[in-house]
Amino acid sequence: MDGREKERDKEWNKEWDKKRIILLLLSVIPAAACMVWWYRMGFSGMKIIRYAVLLYCLPWLAQVDRKERIVPGVILKWMLFIRLAILVAEILCYREVRVEIFLSALGGFCMGGGIMLLAYVISHKGVGAGDVKLIAVTGLYVGSSNIYAVLLLSFLLAAVYGVAGILLRKMKLKDEIAFVPFAAAACLIVMLIGM
């Protein structure tokens, strides 16, 4: 890297830091609105916390995947750690349905991760390993009953985007697209309609 490239990188990092702070501040209002919406829909406090974590993390992951074509493992590890802590709290708070809560989380993790792992193998790594991990962790958050809706909607949104890009001649059939933005949008839709 020459001096100009290093200087450009420093400028970009400064600009990105400013944007990140602005995005964080702007995200507080929609997040609060969603939390009020979920409360009015009768969601439990733990479910609202789970969904709030997803609402916070998924847009960041989508942005990184869109720009850099990676899903940062460190964020997924933190999401996993936070979900496990919430799961323990849910099991302790809702003892009468603790088995159902645990099985739903485990089922969402296994089914979501399993379906994406199958897509990873069939597509000869056309689906990224980060996408597999993301959907598995998302399944842990949304549970076995909602992960199918998230996956179906994710694939549908990605397909519509891909077909539109090809028809408008902005993309070619072999072009790669970032999957996380579609997974994030699908998850948000599923959470907003109250599933």
N, C-alpha and C. Protein backbone atom coordinates (compact mmCIF):
# COMPACT_ATOMS: atom_id res chain seq x y z
N MET A 1 0.84 -1.19 0.00
CA MET A 1 0.00 0.00 0.00
C MET A 1 0.88 1.24 0.00
N ASP A 2 0.58 2.14 -0.90
CA ASP A 2 1.35 3.38 -0.89
C ASP A 2 0.69 4.38 0.06
N GLY A 3 1.31 5.53 0.20
CA GLY A 3 0.85 6.53 1.16
C GLY A 3 -0.55 7.04 0.87
N ARG A 4 -0.88 7.18 -0.42
CA ARG A 4 -2.22 7.68 -0.78
C ARG A 4 -3.32 6.69 -0.39
N GLU A 5 -3.05 5.40 -0.61
CA GLU A 5 -4.04 4.38 -0.27
C GLU A 5 -4.25 4.31 1.25
N LYS A 6 -3.16 4.42 2.00
CA LYS A 6 -3.28 4.41 3.46
C LYS A 6 -4.08 5.61 3.94
N GLU A 7 -3.82 6.75 3.34
CA GLU A 7 -4.56 7.97 3.70
C GLU A 7 -6.04 7.83 3.36
N ARG A 8 -6.32 7.24 2.19
CA ARG A 8 -7.70 7.02 1.78
C ARG A 8 -8.41 6.07 2.75
N ASP A 9 -7.69 5.01 3.16
CA ASP A 9 -8.26 4.07 4.14
C ASP A 9 -8.57 4.75 5.47
N LYS A 10 -7.67 5.61 5.92
CA LYS A 10 -7.91 6.35 7.17
C LYS A 10 -9.14 7.24 7.04
N GLU A 11 -9.25 7.92 5.89
CA GLU A 11 -10.42 8.78 5.66
C GLU A 11 -11.70 7.96 5.65
N TRP A 12 -11.65 6.81 4.96
CA TRP A 12 -12.84 5.95 4.89
C TRP A 12 -13.22 5.47 6.28
N ASN A 13 -12.23 5.06 7.08
CA ASN A 13 -12.51 4.58 8.44
C ASN A 13 -13.13 5.67 9.30
N LYS A 14 -12.61 6.90 9.19
CA LYS A 14 -13.19 8.02 9.94
C LYS A 14 -14.62 8.27 9.51
N GLU A 15 -14.85 8.26 8.19
CA GLU A 15 -16.20 8.49 7.67
C GLU A 15 -17.14 7.37 8.11
N TRP A 16 -16.66 6.12 8.07
CA TRP A 16 -17.48 4.98 8.47
C TRP A 16 -17.82 5.07 9.96
N ASP A 17 -16.87 5.51 10.80
CA ASP A 17 -17.14 5.66 12.22
C ASP A 17 -18.24 6.69 12.46
N LYS A 18 -18.21 7.79 11.72
CA LYS A 18 -19.27 8.80 11.84
C LYS A 18 -20.61 8.23 11.42
N LYS A 19 -20.63 7.50 10.30
CA LYS A 19 -21.86 6.90 9.81
C LYS A 19 -22.40 5.87 10.80
N ARG A 20 -21.50 5.10 11.39
CA ARG A 20 -21.91 4.07 12.34
C ARG A 20 -22.60 4.69 13.55
N ILE A 21 -22.07 5.80 14.04
CA ILE A 21 -22.67 6.48 15.19
C ILE A 21 -24.04 7.04 14.81
N ILE A 22 -24.14 7.64 13.64
CA ILE A 22 -25.43 8.17 13.17
C ILE A 22 -26.44 7.04 13.00
N LEU A 23 -26.00 5.93 12.38
CA LEU A 23 -26.91 4.79 12.21
C LEU A 23 -27.36 4.22 13.55
N LEU A 24 -26.45 4.16 14.50
CA LEU A 24 -26.81 3.66 15.82
C LEU A 24 -27.87 4.54 16.47
N LEU A 25 -27.67 5.85 16.39
CA LEU A 25 -28.65 6.77 16.97
C LEU A 25 -29.99 6.70 16.25
N LEU A 26 -29.95 6.59 14.92
CA LEU A 26 -31.20 6.51 14.16
C LEU A 26 -31.91 5.18 14.36
N SER A 27 -31.16 4.14 14.71
CA SER A 27 -31.79 2.84 14.90
C SER A 27 -32.54 2.73 16.22
N VAL A 28 -32.30 3.63 17.14
CA VAL A 28 -32.96 3.57 18.45
C VAL A 28 -34.47 3.77 18.30
N ILE A 29 -34.89 4.70 17.46
CA ILE A 29 -36.32 5.00 17.30
C ILE A 29 -37.08 3.81 16.71
N PRO A 30 -36.64 3.24 15.57
CA PRO A 30 -37.37 2.06 15.07
C PRO A 30 -37.33 0.88 16.03
N ALA A 31 -36.20 0.70 16.72
CA ALA A 31 -36.10 -0.40 17.67
C ALA A 31 -37.10 -0.22 18.81
N ALA A 32 -37.21 0.99 19.32
CA ALA A 32 -38.18 1.26 20.39
C ALA A 32 -39.60 1.05 19.88
N ALA A 33 -39.87 1.49 18.67
CA ALA A 33 -41.21 1.31 18.09
C ALA A 33 -41.53 -0.17 17.94
N CYS A 34 -40.56 -0.96 17.50
CA CYS A 34 -40.78 -2.40 17.37
C CYS A 34 -41.03 -3.05 18.72
N MET A 35 -40.28 -2.62 19.73
CA MET A 35 -40.46 -3.20 21.05
C MET A 35 -41.84 -2.88 21.61
N VAL A 36 -42.33 -1.67 21.37
CA VAL A 36 -43.69 -1.31 21.80
C VAL A 36 -44.70 -2.16 21.03
N TRP A 37 -44.48 -2.33 19.74
CA TRP A 37 -45.37 -3.14 18.89
C TRP A 37 -45.44 -4.58 19.43
N TRP A 38 -44.29 -5.16 19.73
CA TRP A 38 -44.26 -6.53 20.23
C TRP A 38 -44.93 -6.64 21.60
N TYR A 39 -44.75 -5.63 22.43
CA TYR A 39 -45.39 -5.62 23.74
C TYR A 39 -46.91 -5.60 23.57
N ARG A 40 -47.39 -4.77 22.66
CA ARG A 40 -48.84 -4.69 22.42
C ARG A 40 -49.39 -5.97 21.80
N MET A 41 -48.53 -6.71 21.09
CA MET A 41 -48.96 -7.98 20.51
C MET A 41 -48.99 -9.10 21.56
N GLY A 42 -48.52 -8.79 22.76
CA GLY A 42 -48.57 -9.76 23.84
C GLY A 42 -47.33 -10.63 23.97
N PHE A 43 -46.22 -10.24 23.33
CA PHE A 43 -45.00 -11.01 23.46
C PHE A 43 -44.48 -10.91 24.89
N SER A 44 -43.84 -11.97 25.34
CA SER A 44 -43.23 -11.95 26.66
C SER A 44 -42.00 -11.05 26.64
N GLY A 45 -41.57 -10.64 27.81
CA GLY A 45 -40.40 -9.79 27.91
C GLY A 45 -39.15 -10.44 27.33
N MET A 46 -38.99 -11.73 27.55
CA MET A 46 -37.83 -12.45 27.03
C MET A 46 -37.85 -12.51 25.51
N LYS A 47 -39.03 -12.71 24.93
CA LYS A 47 -39.14 -12.76 23.47
C LYS A 47 -38.83 -11.39 22.88
N ILE A 48 -39.27 -10.34 23.54
CA ILE A 48 -38.96 -8.98 23.08
C ILE A 48 -37.46 -8.75 23.12
N ILE A 49 -36.80 -9.21 24.15
CA ILE A 49 -35.34 -9.06 24.24
C ILE A 49 -34.66 -9.84 23.12
N ARG A 50 -35.11 -11.09 22.89
CA ARG A 50 -34.54 -11.90 21.82
C ARG A 50 -34.65 -11.19 20.48
N TYR A 51 -35.86 -10.71 20.20
CA TYR A 51 -36.09 -10.05 18.92
C TYR A 51 -35.32 -8.73 18.82
N ALA A 52 -35.16 -8.04 19.94
CA ALA A 52 -34.41 -6.79 19.92
C ALA A 52 -32.93 -7.05 19.59
N VAL A 53 -32.38 -8.15 20.10
CA VAL A 53 -31.00 -8.50 19.77
C VAL A 53 -30.88 -8.76 18.27
N LEU A 54 -31.81 -9.51 17.71
CA LEU A 54 -31.80 -9.75 16.26
C LEU A 54 -31.96 -8.46 15.49
N LEU A 55 -32.88 -7.62 15.95
CA LEU A 55 -33.13 -6.34 15.28
C LEU A 55 -31.89 -5.47 15.27
N TYR A 56 -31.08 -5.58 16.29
CA TYR A 56 -29.85 -4.80 16.36
C TYR A 56 -28.73 -5.42 15.51
N CYS A 57 -28.55 -6.73 15.61
CA CYS A 57 -27.40 -7.39 14.97
C CYS A 57 -27.56 -7.62 13.47
N LEU A 58 -28.73 -8.02 13.03
CA LEU A 58 -28.89 -8.40 11.63
C LEU A 58 -28.60 -7.28 10.64
N PRO A 59 -29.05 -6.04 10.87
CA PRO A 59 -28.69 -4.99 9.91
C PRO A 59 -27.18 -4.75 9.80
N TRP A 60 -26.47 -4.87 10.92
CA TRP A 60 -25.01 -4.71 10.87
C TRP A 60 -24.38 -5.83 10.06
N LEU A 61 -24.82 -7.06 10.30
CA LEU A 61 -24.30 -8.19 9.54
C LEU A 61 -24.63 -8.05 8.06
N ALA A 62 -25.83 -7.57 7.76
CA ALA A 62 -26.24 -7.38 6.36
C ALA A 62 -25.34 -6.36 5.68
N GLN A 63 -25.04 -5.29 6.38
CA GLN A 63 -24.18 -4.24 5.82
C GLN A 63 -22.78 -4.77 5.54
N VAL A 64 -22.22 -5.51 6.48
CA VAL A 64 -20.88 -6.07 6.29
C VAL A 64 -20.88 -7.07 5.13
N ASP A 65 -21.89 -7.94 5.08
CA ASP A 65 -21.97 -8.95 4.01
C ASP A 65 -22.14 -8.28 2.66
N ARG A 66 -22.94 -7.24 2.60
CA ARG A 66 -23.16 -6.55 1.33
C ARG A 66 -21.88 -5.90 0.82
N LYS A 67 -21.12 -5.31 1.72
CA LYS A 67 -19.90 -4.60 1.31
C LYS A 67 -18.69 -5.52 1.15
N GLU A 68 -18.53 -6.48 2.07
CA GLU A 68 -17.29 -7.26 2.10
C GLU A 68 -17.48 -8.74 1.79
N ARG A 69 -18.71 -9.18 1.64
CA ARG A 69 -19.04 -10.57 1.35
C ARG A 69 -18.53 -11.55 2.41
N ILE A 70 -18.62 -11.13 3.67
CA ILE A 70 -18.29 -12.02 4.79
C ILE A 70 -19.34 -11.86 5.87
N VAL A 71 -19.47 -12.87 6.69
CA VAL A 71 -20.32 -12.81 7.87
C VAL A 71 -19.37 -12.96 9.06
N PRO A 72 -19.12 -11.86 9.78
CA PRO A 72 -18.12 -11.91 10.86
C PRO A 72 -18.48 -12.92 11.95
N GLY A 73 -17.59 -13.88 12.14
CA GLY A 73 -17.80 -14.92 13.14
C GLY A 73 -17.87 -14.38 14.55
N VAL A 74 -17.16 -13.30 14.83
CA VAL A 74 -17.15 -12.76 16.19
C VAL A 74 -18.55 -12.26 16.58
N ILE A 75 -19.26 -11.66 15.64
CA ILE A 75 -20.62 -11.19 15.93
C ILE A 75 -21.54 -12.39 16.14
N LEU A 76 -21.38 -13.42 15.32
CA LEU A 76 -22.20 -14.62 15.48
C LEU A 76 -21.93 -15.29 16.84
N LYS A 77 -20.68 -15.29 17.27
CA LYS A 77 -20.35 -15.88 18.58
C LYS A 77 -21.03 -15.10 19.71
N TRP A 78 -21.01 -13.77 19.61
CA TRP A 78 -21.68 -12.95 20.63
C TRP A 78 -23.18 -13.17 20.60
N MET A 79 -23.74 -13.28 19.38
CA MET A 79 -25.17 -13.54 19.27
C MET A 79 -25.51 -14.89 19.91
N LEU A 80 -24.68 -15.89 19.67
CA LEU A 80 -24.89 -17.21 20.25
C LEU A 80 -24.80 -17.15 21.77
N PHE A 81 -23.80 -16.48 22.29
CA PHE A 81 -23.62 -16.35 23.74
C PHE A 81 -24.82 -15.64 24.37
N ILE A 82 -25.26 -14.54 23.75
CA ILE A 82 -26.40 -13.78 24.29
C ILE A 82 -27.66 -14.64 24.26
N ARG A 83 -27.86 -15.38 23.16
CA ARG A 83 -29.05 -16.22 23.06
C ARG A 83 -29.04 -17.32 24.10
N LEU A 84 -27.90 -17.91 24.35
CA LEU A 84 -27.84 -18.96 25.36
C LEU A 84 -28.14 -18.40 26.75
N ALA A 85 -27.68 -17.19 27.03
CA ALA A 85 -27.99 -16.55 28.31
C ALA A 85 -29.48 -16.27 28.42
N ILE A 86 -30.09 -15.78 27.34
CA ILE A 86 -31.53 -15.53 27.35
C ILE A 86 -32.30 -16.84 27.48
N LEU A 87 -31.81 -17.89 26.81
CA LEU A 87 -32.47 -19.19 26.89
C LEU A 87 -32.49 -19.71 28.32
N VAL A 88 -31.38 -19.57 29.02
CA VAL A 88 -31.32 -19.99 30.43
C VAL A 88 -32.33 -19.18 31.24
N ALA A 89 -32.38 -17.87 31.00
CA ALA A 89 -33.33 -17.02 31.72
C ALA A 89 -34.77 -17.42 31.40
N GLU A 90 -35.05 -17.72 30.13
CA GLU A 90 -36.41 -18.15 29.76
C GLU A 90 -36.78 -19.45 30.46
N ILE A 91 -35.86 -20.39 30.50
CA ILE A 91 -36.13 -21.68 31.14
C ILE A 91 -36.39 -21.49 32.63
N LEU A 92 -35.65 -20.57 33.25
CA LEU A 92 -35.85 -20.32 34.69
C LEU A 92 -37.14 -19.55 34.96
N CYS A 93 -37.50 -18.63 34.07
CA CYS A 93 -38.70 -17.80 34.28
C CYS A 93 -39.99 -18.52 33.91
N TYR A 94 -39.94 -19.33 32.89
CA TYR A 94 -41.15 -19.99 32.38
C TYR A 94 -41.01 -21.50 32.55
N ARG A 95 -40.97 -21.93 33.80
CA ARG A 95 -40.72 -23.34 34.10
C ARG A 95 -41.76 -24.28 33.52
N GLU A 96 -43.00 -23.84 33.42
CA GLU A 96 -44.06 -24.73 32.95
C GLU A 96 -43.92 -25.07 31.47
N VAL A 97 -43.20 -24.24 30.71
CA VAL A 97 -43.01 -24.52 29.28
C VAL A 97 -41.52 -24.58 28.92
N ARG A 98 -40.70 -24.89 29.91
CA ARG A 98 -39.26 -24.86 29.66
C ARG A 98 -38.81 -25.89 28.63
N VAL A 99 -39.44 -27.06 28.61
CA VAL A 99 -39.06 -28.08 27.63
C VAL A 99 -39.40 -27.60 26.22
N GLU A 100 -40.58 -27.01 26.06
CA GLU A 100 -40.99 -26.50 24.75
C GLU A 100 -40.07 -25.37 24.27
N ILE A 101 -39.69 -24.49 25.19
CA ILE A 101 -38.78 -23.39 24.85
C ILE A 101 -37.44 -23.94 24.39
N PHE A 102 -36.90 -24.88 25.15
CA PHE A 102 -35.61 -25.46 24.79
C PHE A 102 -35.68 -26.20 23.46
N LEU A 103 -36.71 -27.01 23.27
CA LEU A 103 -36.83 -27.79 22.03
C LEU A 103 -37.06 -26.88 20.82
N SER A 104 -37.81 -25.81 21.00
CA SER A 104 -38.03 -24.88 19.90
C SER A 104 -36.73 -24.20 19.48
N ALA A 105 -35.96 -23.76 20.46
CA ALA A 105 -34.67 -23.11 20.15
C ALA A 105 -33.71 -24.10 19.49
N LEU A 106 -33.61 -25.29 20.06
CA LEU A 106 -32.72 -26.31 19.50
C LEU A 106 -33.19 -26.73 18.11
N GLY A 107 -34.50 -26.88 17.94
CA GLY A 107 -35.04 -27.25 16.63
C GLY A 107 -34.77 -26.18 15.58
N GLY A 108 -34.95 -24.91 15.95
CA GLY A 108 -34.67 -23.82 15.02
C GLY A 108 -33.21 -23.80 14.62
N PHE A 109 -32.33 -24.03 15.59
CA PHE A 109 -30.89 -24.07 15.32
C PHE A 109 -30.55 -25.21 14.36
N CYS A 110 -31.04 -26.40 14.67
CA CYS A 110 -30.72 -27.59 13.87
C CYS A 110 -31.37 -27.55 12.49
N MET A 111 -32.64 -27.17 12.43
CA MET A 111 -33.34 -27.14 11.15
C MET A 111 -32.80 -26.04 10.24
N GLY A 112 -32.65 -24.84 10.79
CA GLY A 112 -32.14 -23.74 9.98
C GLY A 112 -30.72 -24.02 9.51
N GLY A 113 -29.86 -24.43 10.44
CA GLY A 113 -28.49 -24.75 10.07
C GLY A 113 -28.41 -25.94 9.14
N GLY A 114 -29.26 -26.94 9.38
CA GLY A 114 -29.26 -28.14 8.53
C GLY A 114 -29.68 -27.85 7.10
N ILE A 115 -30.73 -27.07 6.94
CA ILE A 115 -31.19 -26.72 5.59
C ILE A 115 -30.12 -25.90 4.86
N MET A 116 -29.52 -24.95 5.55
CA MET A 116 -28.48 -24.14 4.91
C MET A 116 -27.22 -24.95 4.65
N LEU A 117 -26.89 -25.89 5.52
CA LEU A 117 -25.75 -26.77 5.29
C LEU A 117 -25.99 -27.62 4.04
N LEU A 118 -27.20 -28.11 3.89
CA LEU A 118 -27.55 -28.86 2.69
C LEU A 118 -27.41 -27.98 1.44
N ALA A 119 -27.88 -26.74 1.53
CA ALA A 119 -27.73 -25.80 0.40
C ALA A 119 -26.26 -25.53 0.12
N TYR A 120 -25.46 -25.43 1.16
CA TYR A 120 -24.01 -25.21 1.03
C TYR A 120 -23.36 -26.36 0.26
N VAL A 121 -23.72 -27.60 0.62
CA VAL A 121 -23.14 -28.78 -0.03
C VAL A 121 -23.64 -28.90 -1.47
N ILE A 122 -24.94 -28.75 -1.67
CA ILE A 122 -25.52 -28.89 -3.01
C ILE A 122 -25.00 -27.83 -3.96
N SER A 123 -24.84 -26.61 -3.46
CA SER A 123 -24.41 -25.50 -4.32
C SER A 123 -22.90 -25.45 -4.51
N HIS A 124 -22.19 -26.44 -3.99
CA HIS A 124 -20.72 -26.46 -4.08
C HIS A 124 -20.13 -25.15 -3.57
N LYS A 125 -20.54 -24.79 -2.39
CA LYS A 125 -20.09 -23.60 -1.66
C LYS A 125 -20.57 -22.30 -2.30
N GLY A 126 -21.63 -22.38 -3.09
CA GLY A 126 -22.26 -21.16 -3.61
C GLY A 126 -22.92 -20.40 -2.47
N VAL A 127 -23.43 -21.15 -1.52
CA VAL A 127 -23.92 -20.58 -0.26
C VAL A 127 -22.73 -20.58 0.68
N GLY A 128 -22.47 -19.46 1.32
CA GLY A 128 -21.29 -19.35 2.17
C GLY A 128 -21.46 -20.03 3.52
N ALA A 129 -20.35 -20.41 4.10
CA ALA A 129 -20.37 -21.02 5.43
C ALA A 129 -20.89 -20.04 6.48
N GLY A 130 -20.62 -18.75 6.29
CA GLY A 130 -21.13 -17.73 7.20
C GLY A 130 -22.64 -17.66 7.17
N ASP A 131 -23.22 -17.87 5.97
CA ASP A 131 -24.68 -17.88 5.84
C ASP A 131 -25.28 -19.05 6.60
N VAL A 132 -24.61 -20.19 6.55
CA VAL A 132 -25.07 -21.39 7.28
C VAL A 132 -25.09 -21.09 8.78
N LYS A 133 -23.99 -20.53 9.28
CA LYS A 133 -23.90 -20.22 10.71
C LYS A 133 -24.93 -19.17 11.12
N LEU A 134 -25.12 -18.17 10.27
CA LEU A 134 -26.08 -17.10 10.58
C LEU A 134 -27.49 -17.66 10.71
N ILE A 135 -27.89 -18.49 9.77
CA ILE A 135 -29.26 -19.04 9.82
C ILE A 135 -29.41 -19.99 11.00
N ALA A 136 -28.37 -20.72 11.35
CA ALA A 136 -28.44 -21.59 12.53
C ALA A 136 -28.66 -20.75 13.79
N VAL A 137 -27.89 -19.69 13.93
CA VAL A 137 -28.03 -18.81 15.11
C VAL A 137 -29.39 -18.11 15.08
N THR A 138 -29.82 -17.68 13.91
CA THR A 138 -31.15 -17.05 13.80
C THR A 138 -32.24 -18.04 14.20
N GLY A 139 -32.09 -19.29 13.80
CA GLY A 139 -33.05 -20.33 14.20
C GLY A 139 -33.11 -20.50 15.70
N LEU A 140 -31.98 -20.35 16.35
CA LEU A 140 -31.94 -20.42 17.81
C LEU A 140 -32.76 -19.30 18.44
N TYR A 141 -32.78 -18.14 17.78
CA TYR A 141 -33.54 -16.99 18.28
C TYR A 141 -35.04 -17.10 17.96
N VAL A 142 -35.37 -17.47 16.72
CA VAL A 142 -36.79 -17.43 16.32
C VAL A 142 -37.52 -18.74 16.57
N GLY A 143 -36.79 -19.81 16.76
CA GLY A 143 -37.40 -21.09 17.07
C GLY A 143 -37.76 -21.91 15.85
N SER A 144 -38.14 -23.15 16.11
CA SER A 144 -38.41 -24.10 15.02
C SER A 144 -39.64 -23.74 14.20
N SER A 145 -40.61 -23.10 14.81
CA SER A 145 -41.83 -22.78 14.07
C SER A 145 -41.64 -21.61 13.11
N ASN A 146 -40.68 -20.72 13.37
CA ASN A 146 -40.51 -19.53 12.53
C ASN A 146 -39.34 -19.60 11.57
N ILE A 147 -38.41 -20.53 11.77
CA ILE A 147 -37.22 -20.55 10.92
C ILE A 147 -37.58 -20.91 9.48
N TYR A 148 -38.62 -21.72 9.29
CA TYR A 148 -39.03 -22.05 7.92
C TYR A 148 -39.53 -20.81 7.19
N ALA A 149 -40.31 -19.99 7.87
CA ALA A 149 -40.81 -18.76 7.26
C ALA A 149 -39.66 -17.82 6.92
N VAL A 150 -38.69 -17.72 7.83
CA VAL A 150 -37.52 -16.87 7.57
C VAL A 150 -36.75 -17.37 6.35
N LEU A 151 -36.51 -18.67 6.29
CA LEU A 151 -35.77 -19.23 5.16
C LEU A 151 -36.52 -19.06 3.85
N LEU A 152 -37.79 -19.41 3.84
CA LEU A 152 -38.58 -19.30 2.61
C LEU A 152 -38.62 -17.86 2.11
N LEU A 153 -38.87 -16.94 3.00
CA LEU A 153 -38.93 -15.53 2.63
C LEU A 153 -37.55 -15.02 2.19
N SER A 154 -36.49 -15.47 2.84
CA SER A 154 -35.12 -15.08 2.45
C SER A 154 -34.82 -15.51 1.02
N PHE A 155 -35.10 -16.78 0.73
CA PHE A 155 -34.83 -17.29 -0.61
C PHE A 155 -35.71 -16.59 -1.65
N LEU A 156 -36.96 -16.32 -1.29
CA LEU A 156 -37.87 -15.64 -2.21
C LEU A 156 -37.38 -14.22 -2.51
N LEU A 157 -36.99 -13.48 -1.49
CA LEU A 157 -36.49 -12.12 -1.69
C LEU A 157 -35.21 -12.12 -2.52
N ALA A 158 -34.30 -13.06 -2.23
CA ALA A 158 -33.05 -13.15 -2.99
C ALA A 158 -33.33 -13.52 -4.45
N ALA A 159 -34.29 -14.42 -4.68
CA ALA A 159 -34.63 -14.82 -6.05
C ALA A 159 -35.23 -13.65 -6.83
N VAL A 160 -36.13 -12.92 -6.20
CA VAL A 160 -36.74 -11.76 -6.87
C VAL A 160 -35.67 -10.74 -7.22
N TYR A 161 -34.76 -10.49 -6.29
CA TYR A 161 -33.67 -9.55 -6.53
C TYR A 161 -32.79 -10.03 -7.68
N GLY A 162 -32.43 -11.30 -7.67
CA GLY A 162 -31.58 -11.86 -8.72
C GLY A 162 -32.23 -11.81 -10.08
N VAL A 163 -33.49 -12.22 -10.16
CA VAL A 163 -34.21 -12.20 -11.44
C VAL A 163 -34.35 -10.77 -11.95
N ALA A 164 -34.70 -9.85 -11.06
CA ALA A 164 -34.81 -8.44 -11.47
C ALA A 164 -33.47 -7.90 -11.96
N GLY A 165 -32.40 -8.27 -11.28
CA GLY A 165 -31.07 -7.83 -11.71
C GLY A 165 -30.69 -8.37 -13.07
N ILE A 166 -31.05 -9.61 -13.34
CA ILE A 166 -30.76 -10.21 -14.65
C ILE A 166 -31.62 -9.57 -15.72
N LEU A 167 -32.91 -9.40 -15.45
CA LEU A 167 -33.81 -8.80 -16.44
C LEU A 167 -33.42 -7.36 -16.76
N LEU A 168 -32.94 -6.64 -15.78
CA LEU A 168 -32.52 -5.24 -15.98
C LEU A 168 -31.07 -5.16 -16.47
N ARG A 169 -30.47 -6.32 -16.69
CA ARG A 169 -29.09 -6.41 -17.19
C ARG A 169 -28.07 -5.75 -16.26
N LYS A 170 -28.37 -5.75 -14.98
CA LYS A 170 -27.43 -5.23 -13.98
C LYS A 170 -26.58 -6.36 -13.40
N MET A 171 -27.03 -7.60 -13.64
CA MET A 171 -26.33 -8.78 -13.12
C MET A 171 -26.27 -9.84 -14.20
N LYS A 172 -25.35 -10.77 -14.00
CA LYS A 172 -25.26 -11.95 -14.86
C LYS A 172 -25.66 -13.15 -14.02
N LEU A 173 -25.97 -14.23 -14.70
CA LEU A 173 -26.44 -15.43 -14.02
C LEU A 173 -25.42 -15.97 -13.02
N LYS A 174 -24.15 -15.81 -13.25
CA LYS A 174 -23.11 -16.33 -12.37
C LYS A 174 -22.71 -15.36 -11.27
N ASP A 175 -23.24 -14.15 -11.26
CA ASP A 175 -22.89 -13.17 -10.24
C ASP A 175 -23.33 -13.63 -8.86
N GLU A 176 -22.50 -13.33 -7.87
CA GLU A 176 -22.83 -13.64 -6.48
C GLU A 176 -23.60 -12.47 -5.87
N ILE A 177 -24.51 -12.82 -4.97
CA ILE A 177 -25.20 -11.78 -4.21
C ILE A 177 -25.04 -12.09 -2.73
N ALA A 178 -25.04 -11.06 -1.94
CA ALA A 178 -24.95 -11.23 -0.49
C ALA A 178 -26.30 -11.74 0.01
N PHE A 179 -26.29 -12.81 0.80
CA PHE A 179 -27.53 -13.41 1.29
C PHE A 179 -28.04 -12.77 2.58
N VAL A 180 -27.14 -12.28 3.41
CA VAL A 180 -27.53 -11.78 4.73
C VAL A 180 -28.56 -10.64 4.66
N PRO A 181 -28.45 -9.69 3.71
CA PRO A 181 -29.49 -8.66 3.67
C PRO A 181 -30.90 -9.23 3.48
N PHE A 182 -31.01 -10.29 2.68
CA PHE A 182 -32.32 -10.90 2.47
C PHE A 182 -32.78 -11.67 3.70
N ALA A 183 -31.85 -12.34 4.37
CA ALA A 183 -32.18 -13.05 5.61
C ALA A 183 -32.60 -12.05 6.69
N ALA A 184 -31.91 -10.91 6.75
CA ALA A 184 -32.26 -9.88 7.74
C ALA A 184 -33.64 -9.31 7.46
N ALA A 185 -33.92 -9.02 6.19
CA ALA A 185 -35.24 -8.48 5.83
C ALA A 185 -36.33 -9.51 6.12
N ALA A 186 -36.09 -10.75 5.78
CA ALA A 186 -37.08 -11.80 6.04
C ALA A 186 -37.34 -11.97 7.53
N CYS A 187 -36.29 -11.95 8.30
CA CYS A 187 -36.42 -12.09 9.75
C CYS A 187 -37.21 -10.92 10.34
N LEU A 188 -36.91 -9.73 9.87
CA LEU A 188 -37.64 -8.54 10.35
C LEU A 188 -39.12 -8.65 10.01
N ILE A 189 -39.44 -9.08 8.79
CA ILE A 189 -40.84 -9.24 8.38
C ILE A 189 -41.54 -10.25 9.27
N VAL A 190 -40.89 -11.39 9.49
CA VAL A 190 -41.49 -12.45 10.34
C VAL A 190 -41.71 -11.92 11.76
N MET A 191 -40.73 -11.16 12.29
CA MET A 191 -40.89 -10.63 13.63
C MET A 191 -41.99 -9.58 13.70
N LEU A 192 -42.11 -8.75 12.67
CA LEU A 192 -43.11 -7.69 12.69
C LEU A 192 -44.54 -8.21 12.54
N ILE A 193 -44.71 -9.31 11.81
CA ILE A 193 -46.08 -9.83 11.67
C ILE A 193 -46.49 -10.67 12.87
N GLY A 194 -45.56 -10.81 13.82
CA GLY A 194 -45.94 -11.41 15.09
C GLY A 194 -45.80 -12.89 15.19
N MET A 195 -44.89 -13.45 14.46
CA MET A 195 -44.69 -14.90 14.53
C MET A 195 -43.76 -15.26 15.66
